Amino acid sequence: MFTFSSPAHSYPESQMEDCISSALSNPATKSISRSSISNYCDCALKAIIDENKDIRESGYECAQINFN
């Protein structure tokens, strides 16, 4: 028997929505696609909340991955 489940995250969906909304309203991210922003937010929230990593360092690393 096979079962599939969607990925589980410990961060609340509201934090993902807040992150995306904040990024979309930032003039510095106007040229970045919504998909890239969503991937960035997921990466950063996983690192910060799920893995208990530093906020600034996590944001920088996730930006390097998703915005270049």
C-alpha atoms as a PDB file:
ATOM      1  CA  MET A   1       0.000   0.000   0.000  1.00  0.00           C
ATOM      2  CA  PHE A   2       1.264   3.454  -0.913  1.00  0.00           C
ATOM      3  CA  THR A   3       0.241   6.686   0.717  1.00  0.00           C
ATOM      4  CA  PHE A   4       1.185  10.213  -0.150  1.00  0.00           C
ATOM      5  CA  SER A   5       0.987  13.263   2.002  1.00  0.00           C
ATOM      6  CA  SER A   6       1.736  16.889   1.470  1.00  0.00           C
ATOM      7  CA  PRO A   7       4.790  18.342   3.180  1.00  0.00           C
ATOM      8  CA  ALA A   8       4.191  19.454   6.750  1.00  0.00           C
ATOM      9  CA  HIS A   9       5.636  22.669   8.108  1.00  0.00           C
ATOM     10  CA  SER A  10       5.610  23.872  11.659  1.00  0.00           C
ATOM     11  CA  TYR A  11       5.192  27.481  10.659  1.00  0.00           C
ATOM     12  CA  PRO A  12       1.617  28.804  10.442  1.00  0.00           C
ATOM     13  CA  GLU A  13       0.161  29.491   6.997  1.00  0.00           C
ATOM     14  CA  SER A  14      -0.490  33.063   8.157  1.00  0.00           C
ATOM     15  CA  GLN A  15       3.267  33.631   8.437  1.00  0.00           C
ATOM     16  CA  MET A  16       3.731  32.459   4.855  1.00  0.00           C
ATOM     17  CA  GLU A  17       0.988  34.838   3.702  1.00  0.00           C
ATOM     18  CA  ASP A  18       2.550  37.712   5.682  1.00  0.00           C
ATOM     19  CA  CYS A  19       5.969  37.008   4.209  1.00  0.00           C
ATOM     20  CA  ILE A  20       4.670  36.917   0.640  1.00  0.00           C
ATOM     21  CA  SER A  21       2.578  40.055   1.149  1.00  0.00           C
ATOM     22  CA  SER A  22       5.518  41.923   2.637  1.00  0.00           C
ATOM     23  CA  ALA A  23       7.835  40.880  -0.182  1.00  0.00           C
ATOM     24  CA  LEU A  24       5.311  41.811  -2.875  1.00  0.00           C
ATOM     25  CA  SER A  25       4.923  45.291  -1.388  1.00  0.00           C
ATOM     26  CA  ASN A  26       8.695  45.869  -1.226  1.00  0.00           C
ATOM     27  CA  PRO A  27       9.950  47.989  -4.166  1.00  0.00           C
ATOM     28  CA  ALA A  28      13.224  46.006  -4.179  1.00  0.00           C
ATOM     29  CA  THR A  29      11.375  42.822  -5.142  1.00  0.00           C
ATOM     30  CA  LYS A  30       9.136  44.241  -7.888  1.00  0.00           C
ATOM     31  CA  SER A  31      10.971  42.329 -10.633  1.00  0.00           C
ATOM     32  CA  ILE A  32      10.912  39.008  -8.754  1.00  0.00           C
ATOM     33  CA  SER A  33       8.186  36.494  -9.595  1.00  0.00           C
ATOM     34  CA  ARG A  34       5.554  35.519  -7.054  1.00  0.00           C
ATOM     35  CA  SER A  35       6.770  31.921  -7.349  1.00  0.00           C
ATOM     36  CA  SER A  36      10.332  32.895  -6.410  1.00  0.00           C
ATOM     37  CA  ILE A  37       9.036  34.958  -3.497  1.00  0.00           C
ATOM     38  CA  SER A  38       6.909  32.035  -2.310  1.00  0.00           C
ATOM     39  CA  ASN A  39       9.917  29.707  -2.522  1.00  0.00           C
ATOM     40  CA  TYR A  40      12.031  32.252  -0.641  1.00  0.00           C
ATOM     41  CA  CYS A  41       9.452  32.590   2.126  1.00  0.00           C
ATOM     42  CA  ASP A  42       9.112  28.834   2.468  1.00  0.00           C
ATOM     43  CA  CYS A  43      12.890  28.448   2.648  1.00  0.00           C
ATOM     44  CA  ALA A  44      13.286  31.229   5.218  1.00  0.00           C
ATOM     45  CA  LEU A  45      10.391  30.130   7.413  1.00  0.00           C
ATOM     46  CA  LYS A  46      11.593  26.521   7.428  1.00  0.00           C
ATOM     47  CA  ALA A  47      15.085  27.625   8.417  1.00  0.00           C
ATOM     48  CA  ILE A  48      13.937  30.081  11.083  1.00  0.00           C
ATOM     49  CA  ILE A  49      11.061  28.143  12.623  1.00  0.00           C
ATOM     50  CA  ASP A  50      11.616  24.483  11.787  1.00  0.00           C
ATOM     51  CA  GLU A  51      15.405  24.497  12.095  1.00  0.00           C
ATOM     52  CA  ASN A  52      15.769  27.324  14.671  1.00  0.00           C
ATOM     53  CA  LYS A  53      18.368  29.158  12.561  1.00  0.00           C
ATOM     54  CA  ASP A  54      19.290  32.847  12.720  1.00  0.00           C
ATOM     55  CA  ILE A  55      16.782  35.147  10.993  1.00  0.00           C
ATOM     56  CA  ARG A  56      19.287  37.344   9.157  1.00  0.00           C
ATOM     57  CA  GLU A  57      21.500  34.477   8.040  1.00  0.00           C
ATOM     58  CA  SER A  58      18.503  32.414   6.916  1.00  0.00           C
ATOM     59  CA  GLY A  59      17.052  35.310   4.945  1.00  0.00           C
ATOM     60  CA  TYR A  60      20.354  35.904   3.195  1.00  0.00           C
ATOM     61  CA  GLU A  61      20.902  32.235   2.342  1.00  0.00           C
ATOM     62  CA  CYS A  62      17.358  31.797   1.049  1.00  0.00           C
ATOM     63  CA  ALA A  63      17.630  34.985  -1.027  1.00  0.00           C
ATOM     64  CA  GLN A  64      20.850  33.685  -2.594  1.00  0.00           C
ATOM     65  CA  ILE A  65      19.078  30.454  -3.521  1.00  0.00           C
ATOM     66  CA  ASN A  66      15.829  31.934  -4.822  1.00  0.00           C
ATOM     67  CA  PHE A  67      16.647  35.375  -6.217  1.00  0.00           C
ATOM     68  CA  ASN A  68      19.774  34.723  -8.284  1.00  0.00           C
END
